[in-house]
N, C-alpha and C. Protein backbone atom coordinates (compact mmCIF):
# COMPACT_ATOMS: atom_id res chain seq x y z
N UNK A 1 99.47 110.72 106.10
CA UNK A 1 99.22 109.90 104.93
C UNK A 1 99.22 108.43 105.35
N UNK A 2 98.24 107.70 104.88
CA UNK A 2 98.13 106.28 105.21
C UNK A 2 99.25 105.47 104.55
N UNK A 3 99.70 104.45 105.24
CA UNK A 3 100.72 103.56 104.70
C UNK A 3 100.10 102.63 103.67
N UNK A 4 100.96 101.97 102.93
CA UNK A 4 100.53 100.96 101.97
C UNK A 4 101.02 99.60 102.42
N UNK A 5 100.31 98.57 102.02
CA UNK A 5 100.64 97.21 102.45
C UNK A 5 100.49 96.23 101.31
N UNK A 6 101.27 95.17 101.39
CA UNK A 6 101.03 93.98 100.59
C UNK A 6 100.54 92.92 101.57
N UNK A 7 99.48 92.25 101.21
CA UNK A 7 99.03 91.09 101.95
C UNK A 7 99.18 89.91 101.02
N UNK A 8 100.03 88.99 101.39
CA UNK A 8 100.30 87.83 100.54
C UNK A 8 99.94 86.54 101.25
N UNK A 9 99.31 85.65 100.50
CA UNK A 9 99.01 84.30 100.97
C UNK A 9 99.59 83.36 99.92
N UNK A 10 100.43 82.43 100.34
CA UNK A 10 101.22 81.65 99.39
C UNK A 10 101.21 80.17 99.77
N UNK A 11 101.04 79.32 98.76
CA UNK A 11 101.32 77.89 98.87
C UNK A 11 102.57 77.62 98.06
N UNK A 12 103.56 77.03 98.67
CA UNK A 12 104.82 76.72 97.99
C UNK A 12 104.80 75.26 97.57
N UNK A 13 105.02 75.01 96.28
CA UNK A 13 105.00 73.65 95.74
C UNK A 13 106.40 73.08 95.57
N UNK A 14 107.39 73.96 95.46
CA UNK A 14 108.79 73.53 95.26
C UNK A 14 109.69 74.49 96.03
N UNK A 15 110.03 74.12 97.25
CA UNK A 15 110.82 75.01 98.10
C UNK A 15 112.20 75.30 97.51
N UNK A 16 112.81 74.33 96.86
CA UNK A 16 114.13 74.57 96.26
C UNK A 16 114.05 75.68 95.22
N UNK A 17 113.04 75.66 94.36
CA UNK A 17 112.88 76.71 93.36
C UNK A 17 112.46 78.04 93.97
N UNK A 18 111.65 77.99 95.00
CA UNK A 18 111.15 79.21 95.66
C UNK A 18 112.27 79.96 96.38
N UNK A 19 113.30 79.25 96.82
CA UNK A 19 114.43 79.89 97.53
C UNK A 19 115.07 81.00 96.72
N UNK A 20 115.11 80.85 95.40
CA UNK A 20 115.69 81.89 94.55
C UNK A 20 114.95 83.21 94.71
N UNK A 21 113.63 83.14 94.85
CA UNK A 21 112.81 84.33 95.09
C UNK A 21 113.14 84.94 96.45
N UNK A 22 113.18 84.12 97.47
CA UNK A 22 113.45 84.60 98.83
C UNK A 22 114.83 85.25 98.92
N UNK A 23 115.80 84.63 98.29
CA UNK A 23 117.17 85.15 98.34
C UNK A 23 117.32 86.46 97.60
N UNK A 24 116.49 86.71 96.59
CA UNK A 24 116.64 87.92 95.76
C UNK A 24 115.70 89.06 96.15
N UNK A 25 114.65 88.80 96.92
CA UNK A 25 113.66 89.87 97.13
C UNK A 25 114.11 90.97 98.08
N UNK A 26 115.07 90.70 98.95
CA UNK A 26 115.52 91.71 99.91
C UNK A 26 116.01 92.99 99.26
N UNK A 27 116.73 92.88 98.19
CA UNK A 27 117.26 94.06 97.51
C UNK A 27 116.13 94.96 97.00
N UNK A 28 115.12 94.36 96.41
CA UNK A 28 113.98 95.13 95.89
C UNK A 28 113.20 95.75 97.04
N UNK A 29 112.95 94.97 98.08
CA UNK A 29 112.20 95.49 99.22
C UNK A 29 112.93 96.63 99.91
N UNK A 30 114.24 96.52 100.03
CA UNK A 30 115.02 97.63 100.61
C UNK A 30 114.91 98.89 99.76
N UNK A 31 114.98 98.74 98.45
CA UNK A 31 114.89 99.88 97.55
C UNK A 31 113.59 100.66 97.76
N UNK A 32 112.50 99.96 98.04
CA UNK A 32 111.19 100.60 98.22
C UNK A 32 110.82 100.81 99.69
N UNK A 33 111.75 100.55 100.59
CA UNK A 33 111.51 100.80 102.01
C UNK A 33 110.51 99.87 102.65
N UNK A 34 110.35 98.68 102.11
CA UNK A 34 109.39 97.72 102.66
C UNK A 34 109.88 97.16 103.99
N UNK A 35 108.91 96.86 104.84
CA UNK A 35 109.21 96.27 106.15
C UNK A 35 108.24 95.12 106.39
N UNK A 36 108.80 93.94 106.72
CA UNK A 36 107.96 92.79 107.02
C UNK A 36 107.27 92.98 108.36
N UNK A 37 105.95 92.87 108.37
CA UNK A 37 105.19 92.83 109.61
C UNK A 37 104.81 91.40 109.95
N UNK A 38 104.58 90.61 108.92
CA UNK A 38 104.29 89.18 109.06
C UNK A 38 105.11 88.48 108.00
N UNK A 39 105.79 87.42 108.41
CA UNK A 39 106.58 86.64 107.44
C UNK A 39 106.53 85.18 107.87
N UNK A 40 105.49 84.50 107.40
CA UNK A 40 105.28 83.12 107.86
C UNK A 40 104.68 83.15 109.24
N UNK A 41 105.11 82.27 110.08
CA UNK A 41 104.65 82.25 111.46
C UNK A 41 103.42 81.39 111.67
N UNK A 42 103.17 81.13 112.91
CA UNK A 42 102.04 80.30 113.33
C UNK A 42 100.73 81.03 113.07
N UNK A 43 99.71 80.30 112.61
CA UNK A 43 98.40 80.92 112.40
C UNK A 43 97.31 79.86 112.47
N UNK A 44 96.09 80.31 112.66
CA UNK A 44 94.91 79.46 112.62
C UNK A 44 93.89 80.12 111.70
N UNK A 45 93.35 79.36 110.79
CA UNK A 45 92.29 79.87 109.92
C UNK A 45 90.97 79.70 110.66
N UNK A 46 90.31 80.79 110.97
CA UNK A 46 89.06 80.75 111.72
C UNK A 46 87.84 80.84 110.83
N UNK A 47 87.99 81.46 109.65
CA UNK A 47 86.89 81.55 108.69
C UNK A 47 87.49 81.54 107.29
N UNK A 48 86.74 81.03 106.35
CA UNK A 48 87.19 81.05 104.96
C UNK A 48 88.30 80.06 104.67
N UNK A 49 89.10 80.39 103.68
CA UNK A 49 90.18 79.52 103.25
C UNK A 49 91.52 80.18 103.56
N UNK A 50 92.56 79.39 103.49
CA UNK A 50 93.90 79.94 103.74
C UNK A 50 94.90 79.23 102.85
N UNK A 51 96.09 79.77 102.85
CA UNK A 51 97.23 79.13 102.21
C UNK A 51 98.25 78.84 103.31
N UNK A 52 99.30 78.15 102.97
CA UNK A 52 100.25 77.68 103.99
C UNK A 52 101.17 78.76 104.53
N UNK A 53 101.31 79.87 103.81
CA UNK A 53 102.23 80.93 104.24
C UNK A 53 101.54 82.28 104.08
N UNK A 54 101.70 83.15 105.07
CA UNK A 54 101.12 84.49 105.06
C UNK A 54 102.22 85.52 105.24
N UNK A 55 102.12 86.63 104.49
CA UNK A 55 103.11 87.69 104.55
C UNK A 55 102.39 89.03 104.51
N UNK A 56 102.83 89.96 105.35
CA UNK A 56 102.35 91.34 105.29
C UNK A 56 103.58 92.24 105.24
N UNK A 57 103.65 93.06 104.19
CA UNK A 57 104.73 94.04 104.04
C UNK A 57 104.15 95.43 104.18
N UNK A 58 104.87 96.31 104.86
CA UNK A 58 104.44 97.70 105.05
C UNK A 58 105.33 98.62 104.23
N UNK A 59 104.71 99.61 103.59
CA UNK A 59 105.41 100.63 102.80
C UNK A 59 105.00 102.00 103.32
N UNK A 60 105.77 103.03 102.97
CA UNK A 60 105.47 104.36 103.49
C UNK A 60 104.11 104.88 103.03
N UNK A 61 103.65 104.41 101.85
CA UNK A 61 102.33 104.81 101.35
C UNK A 61 101.89 103.83 100.26
N UNK A 62 100.64 103.99 99.86
CA UNK A 62 100.04 103.11 98.86
C UNK A 62 100.76 103.21 97.51
N UNK A 63 101.12 104.42 97.11
CA UNK A 63 101.80 104.61 95.82
C UNK A 63 103.12 103.85 95.78
N UNK A 64 103.85 103.85 96.89
CA UNK A 64 105.13 103.13 96.95
C UNK A 64 104.91 101.63 96.92
N UNK A 65 103.85 101.15 97.59
CA UNK A 65 103.53 99.72 97.56
C UNK A 65 103.23 99.27 96.14
N UNK A 66 102.44 100.07 95.42
CA UNK A 66 102.13 99.74 94.02
C UNK A 66 103.38 99.82 93.14
N UNK A 67 104.18 100.86 93.34
CA UNK A 67 105.39 101.03 92.53
C UNK A 67 106.33 99.85 92.70
N UNK A 68 106.46 99.35 93.91
CA UNK A 68 107.33 98.20 94.16
C UNK A 68 106.81 96.99 93.40
N UNK A 69 105.51 96.70 93.54
CA UNK A 69 104.96 95.52 92.87
C UNK A 69 105.10 95.63 91.35
N UNK A 70 104.85 96.80 90.81
CA UNK A 70 104.87 97.00 89.37
C UNK A 70 106.28 97.20 88.79
N UNK A 71 107.28 97.32 89.64
CA UNK A 71 108.63 97.60 89.17
C UNK A 71 109.18 96.43 88.34
N UNK A 72 110.02 96.75 87.37
CA UNK A 72 110.65 95.67 86.59
C UNK A 72 111.44 94.71 87.46
N UNK A 73 112.06 95.25 88.52
CA UNK A 73 112.86 94.40 89.42
C UNK A 73 111.98 93.36 90.11
N UNK A 74 110.81 93.79 90.59
CA UNK A 74 109.94 92.83 91.28
C UNK A 74 109.28 91.89 90.29
N UNK A 75 108.92 92.37 89.14
CA UNK A 75 108.30 91.49 88.15
C UNK A 75 109.24 90.36 87.72
N UNK A 76 110.54 90.61 87.73
CA UNK A 76 111.50 89.54 87.49
C UNK A 76 111.41 88.48 88.58
N UNK A 77 111.17 88.95 89.83
CA UNK A 77 111.04 88.02 90.95
C UNK A 77 109.74 87.22 90.87
N UNK A 78 108.69 87.84 90.37
CA UNK A 78 107.43 87.11 90.17
C UNK A 78 107.66 85.95 89.21
N UNK A 79 108.44 86.18 88.17
CA UNK A 79 108.74 85.13 87.20
C UNK A 79 109.53 83.98 87.84
N UNK A 80 110.34 84.30 88.86
CA UNK A 80 111.07 83.26 89.59
C UNK A 80 110.13 82.52 90.53
N UNK A 81 109.26 83.25 91.21
CA UNK A 81 108.37 82.68 92.22
C UNK A 81 107.24 81.85 91.62
N UNK A 82 106.63 82.34 90.56
CA UNK A 82 105.38 81.77 90.05
C UNK A 82 105.43 80.27 89.72
N UNK A 83 106.48 79.75 89.11
CA UNK A 83 106.45 78.31 88.79
C UNK A 83 106.51 77.41 90.03
N UNK A 84 106.88 77.98 91.16
CA UNK A 84 107.12 77.19 92.36
C UNK A 84 106.10 77.42 93.46
N UNK A 85 105.10 78.25 93.17
CA UNK A 85 104.12 78.58 94.21
C UNK A 85 102.83 79.09 93.58
N UNK A 86 101.80 79.14 94.41
CA UNK A 86 100.54 79.77 94.05
C UNK A 86 100.32 80.87 95.08
N UNK A 87 100.06 82.09 94.62
CA UNK A 87 99.97 83.21 95.56
C UNK A 87 98.76 84.08 95.29
N UNK A 88 98.23 84.64 96.36
CA UNK A 88 97.25 85.72 96.31
C UNK A 88 97.97 86.93 96.91
N UNK A 89 98.11 88.00 96.14
CA UNK A 89 98.78 89.21 96.61
C UNK A 89 97.80 90.37 96.47
N UNK A 90 97.57 91.07 97.57
CA UNK A 90 96.71 92.25 97.58
C UNK A 90 97.58 93.44 97.95
N UNK A 91 97.54 94.50 97.15
CA UNK A 91 98.19 95.76 97.50
C UNK A 91 97.07 96.67 97.98
N UNK A 92 97.20 97.18 99.20
CA UNK A 92 96.09 97.89 99.83
C UNK A 92 96.56 99.11 100.60
N UNK A 93 95.73 100.13 100.59
CA UNK A 93 96.01 101.34 101.35
C UNK A 93 95.58 101.13 102.79
N UNK A 94 96.43 101.54 103.72
CA UNK A 94 96.09 101.45 105.14
C UNK A 94 95.03 102.44 105.53
N UNK A 95 94.53 102.28 106.72
CA UNK A 95 93.49 103.16 107.27
C UNK A 95 94.15 104.10 108.26
N UNK A 96 93.93 105.39 108.08
CA UNK A 96 94.55 106.41 108.93
C UNK A 96 93.51 107.31 109.57
N UNK A 97 92.27 106.80 109.72
CA UNK A 97 91.19 107.59 110.25
C UNK A 97 90.93 107.30 111.72
N UNK A 98 89.81 107.81 112.22
CA UNK A 98 89.47 107.61 113.63
C UNK A 98 89.23 106.14 113.94
N UNK A 99 89.51 105.78 115.16
CA UNK A 99 89.30 104.42 115.64
C UNK A 99 88.09 104.37 116.55
N UNK A 100 87.45 103.22 116.63
CA UNK A 100 86.27 103.09 117.51
C UNK A 100 86.63 103.29 118.97
């Protein structure tokens, strides 16, 4: 079964306010078995547009990735994060097929 992922691109406008989200999200992510593959870090935009922060979270499957995002616990965190940042979040199913 293919894994599920969140791909997040975020611009933070108020780091002090955003810290509340960062400090609280670990509990929710642990509950859904999320694992950070990318959490900030150095990057170069080679095509298109970008935001200042990039995050990739891995889940055991797509259904779990969606369940985490849609959970009441995470939606409370969105309410904390949203006033202090602008984000693009994609929940996507991984590819588990043949490789070239």
